[in-house]
Amino acid sequence: MRCSMSRKGNCWDNAPTESWFNSFKNERVHGVKYKTLEEMKAASFEYIEVFYNRKRQHSTLGFRSPVEFLERWKTSQELNQQAA
């Protein structure tokens, strides 16, 4: 078992996670008042599983969603294995 921590002196290790939480907070937390905990959980689930992973385009992924990027990557890996 190993600790999940950034490397000493490397502030970039946690940057993707911090960026994600920034997007989440700005798009679904700040300025929103949820009536119940269940409503907040449902909105969080919708943001992560429906919008962020499947629809939201990411500039670092060539303006593709994470799901689209992963599918294209898998296809390219299969093609590379067939060619080998």
C-alpha atoms as a PDB file:
ATOM      1  CA  MET A   1       0.000   0.000   0.000  1.00  0.00           C
ATOM      2  CA  ARG A   2       1.255   3.490  -0.872  1.00  0.00           C
ATOM      3  CA  CYS A   3       0.060   6.916   0.175  1.00  0.00           C
ATOM      4  CA  SER A   4      -1.698   8.879  -2.540  1.00  0.00           C
ATOM      5  CA  MET A   5       0.140  12.165  -2.287  1.00  0.00           C
ATOM      6  CA  SER A   6       1.895  14.566  -4.604  1.00  0.00           C
ATOM      7  CA  ARG A   7       5.589  14.288  -5.106  1.00  0.00           C
ATOM      8  CA  LYS A   8       7.527  16.608  -2.852  1.00  0.00           C
ATOM      9  CA  GLY A   9       7.872  20.059  -4.381  1.00  0.00           C
ATOM     10  CA  ASN A  10       5.709  19.272  -7.413  1.00  0.00           C
ATOM     11  CA  CYS A  11       2.656  21.515  -7.386  1.00  0.00           C
ATOM     12  CA  TRP A  12       1.460  20.144 -10.741  1.00  0.00           C
ATOM     13  CA  ASP A  13       0.565  16.652  -9.472  1.00  0.00           C
ATOM     14  CA  ASN A  14      -2.790  17.771  -8.115  1.00  0.00           C
ATOM     15  CA  ALA A  15      -3.615  20.349 -10.805  1.00  0.00           C
ATOM     16  CA  PRO A  16      -6.130  18.228 -12.788  1.00  0.00           C
ATOM     17  CA  THR A  17      -8.127  17.406  -9.661  1.00  0.00           C
ATOM     18  CA  GLU A  18      -8.112  21.013  -8.486  1.00  0.00           C
ATOM     19  CA  SER A  19      -9.238  22.136 -11.950  1.00  0.00           C
ATOM     20  CA  TRP A  20     -12.117  19.652 -11.898  1.00  0.00           C
ATOM     21  CA  PHE A  21     -13.295  20.774  -8.460  1.00  0.00           C
ATOM     22  CA  ASN A  22     -13.108  24.395  -9.608  1.00  0.00           C
ATOM     23  CA  SER A  23     -15.382  23.600 -12.565  1.00  0.00           C
ATOM     24  CA  PHE A  24     -17.765  21.614 -10.385  1.00  0.00           C
ATOM     25  CA  LYS A  25     -18.056  24.315  -7.745  1.00  0.00           C
ATOM     26  CA  ASN A  26     -18.521  27.132 -10.260  1.00  0.00           C
ATOM     27  CA  GLU A  27     -21.070  25.243 -12.346  1.00  0.00           C
ATOM     28  CA  ARG A  28     -23.070  23.404  -9.653  1.00  0.00           C
ATOM     29  CA  VAL A  29     -22.293  24.686  -6.144  1.00  0.00           C
ATOM     30  CA  HIS A  30     -21.721  28.454  -5.911  1.00  0.00           C
ATOM     31  CA  GLY A  31     -24.974  30.384  -5.979  1.00  0.00           C
ATOM     32  CA  VAL A  32     -27.157  27.267  -5.862  1.00  0.00           C
ATOM     33  CA  LYS A  33     -29.383  26.429  -2.910  1.00  0.00           C
ATOM     34  CA  TYR A  34     -30.585  22.860  -2.774  1.00  0.00           C
ATOM     35  CA  LYS A  35     -33.734  22.068  -0.795  1.00  0.00           C
ATOM     36  CA  THR A  36     -32.534  18.648   0.362  1.00  0.00           C
ATOM     37  CA  LEU A  37     -29.409  16.556   0.521  1.00  0.00           C
ATOM     38  CA  GLU A  38     -30.997  14.191  -2.009  1.00  0.00           C
ATOM     39  CA  GLU A  39     -31.513  17.064  -4.464  1.00  0.00           C
ATOM     40  CA  MET A  40     -27.848  18.040  -4.100  1.00  0.00           C
ATOM     41  CA  LYS A  41     -26.739  14.431  -4.641  1.00  0.00           C
ATOM     42  CA  ALA A  42     -28.919  14.101  -7.751  1.00  0.00           C
ATOM     43  CA  ALA A  43     -27.565  17.353  -9.198  1.00  0.00           C
ATOM     44  CA  SER A  44     -23.995  16.227  -8.482  1.00  0.00           C
ATOM     45  CA  PHE A  45     -24.582  12.848 -10.119  1.00  0.00           C
ATOM     46  CA  GLU A  46     -26.149  14.499 -13.181  1.00  0.00           C
ATOM     47  CA  TYR A  47     -23.212  16.902 -13.493  1.00  0.00           C
ATOM     48  CA  ILE A  48     -20.550  14.184 -13.261  1.00  0.00           C
ATOM     49  CA  GLU A  49     -22.111  11.237 -15.079  1.00  0.00           C
ATOM     50  CA  VAL A  50     -24.305  12.949 -17.661  1.00  0.00           C
ATOM     51  CA  PHE A  51     -22.870  16.384 -18.409  1.00  0.00           C
ATOM     52  CA  TYR A  52     -19.167  16.406 -17.487  1.00  0.00           C
ATOM     53  CA  ASN A  53     -18.174  12.933 -18.695  1.00  0.00           C
ATOM     54  CA  ARG A  54     -20.469  12.598 -21.722  1.00  0.00           C
ATOM     55  CA  LYS A  55     -21.221  16.080 -23.048  1.00  0.00           C
ATOM     56  CA  ARG A  56     -18.838  18.734 -21.749  1.00  0.00           C
ATOM     57  CA  GLN A  57     -16.026  19.331 -24.219  1.00  0.00           C
ATOM     58  CA  HIS A  58     -12.534  19.655 -22.789  1.00  0.00           C
ATOM     59  CA  SER A  59      -9.865  21.708 -24.521  1.00  0.00           C
ATOM     60  CA  THR A  60      -7.082  19.401 -23.299  1.00  0.00           C
ATOM     61  CA  LEU A  61      -8.878  16.468 -24.959  1.00  0.00           C
ATOM     62  CA  GLY A  62      -9.112  18.149 -28.350  1.00  0.00           C
ATOM     63  CA  PHE A  63     -12.560  19.562 -27.525  1.00  0.00           C
ATOM     64  CA  ARG A  64     -14.015  16.103 -26.950  1.00  0.00           C
ATOM     65  CA  SER A  65     -15.847  14.755 -23.923  1.00  0.00           C
ATOM     66  CA  PRO A  66     -13.935  12.293 -21.712  1.00  0.00           C
ATOM     67  CA  VAL A  67     -16.156   9.444 -22.929  1.00  0.00           C
ATOM     68  CA  GLU A  68     -15.590  10.312 -26.600  1.00  0.00           C
ATOM     69  CA  PHE A  69     -11.851  10.698 -26.027  1.00  0.00           C
ATOM     70  CA  LEU A  70     -11.651   7.293 -24.293  1.00  0.00           C
ATOM     71  CA  GLU A  71     -13.617   5.554 -27.048  1.00  0.00           C
ATOM     72  CA  ARG A  72     -11.350   6.997 -29.737  1.00  0.00           C
ATOM     73  CA  TRP A  73      -8.282   5.982 -27.740  1.00  0.00           C
ATOM     74  CA  LYS A  74      -9.570   2.405 -27.340  1.00  0.00           C
ATOM     75  CA  THR A  75     -10.252   2.182 -31.071  1.00  0.00           C
ATOM     76  CA  SER A  76      -6.755   3.409 -31.900  1.00  0.00           C
ATOM     77  CA  GLN A  77      -5.250   0.862 -29.500  1.00  0.00           C
ATOM     78  CA  GLU A  78      -7.222  -1.957 -31.133  1.00  0.00           C
ATOM     79  CA  LEU A  79      -6.094  -0.834 -34.592  1.00  0.00           C
ATOM     80  CA  ASN A  80      -2.476  -0.674 -33.434  1.00  0.00           C
ATOM     81  CA  GLN A  81      -2.689  -4.208 -32.033  1.00  0.00           C
ATOM     82  CA  GLN A  82      -4.201  -5.520 -35.251  1.00  0.00           C
ATOM     83  CA  ALA A  83      -1.418  -3.904 -37.267  1.00  0.00           C
ATOM     84  CA  ALA A  84       1.249  -5.507 -35.060  1.00  0.00           C
END
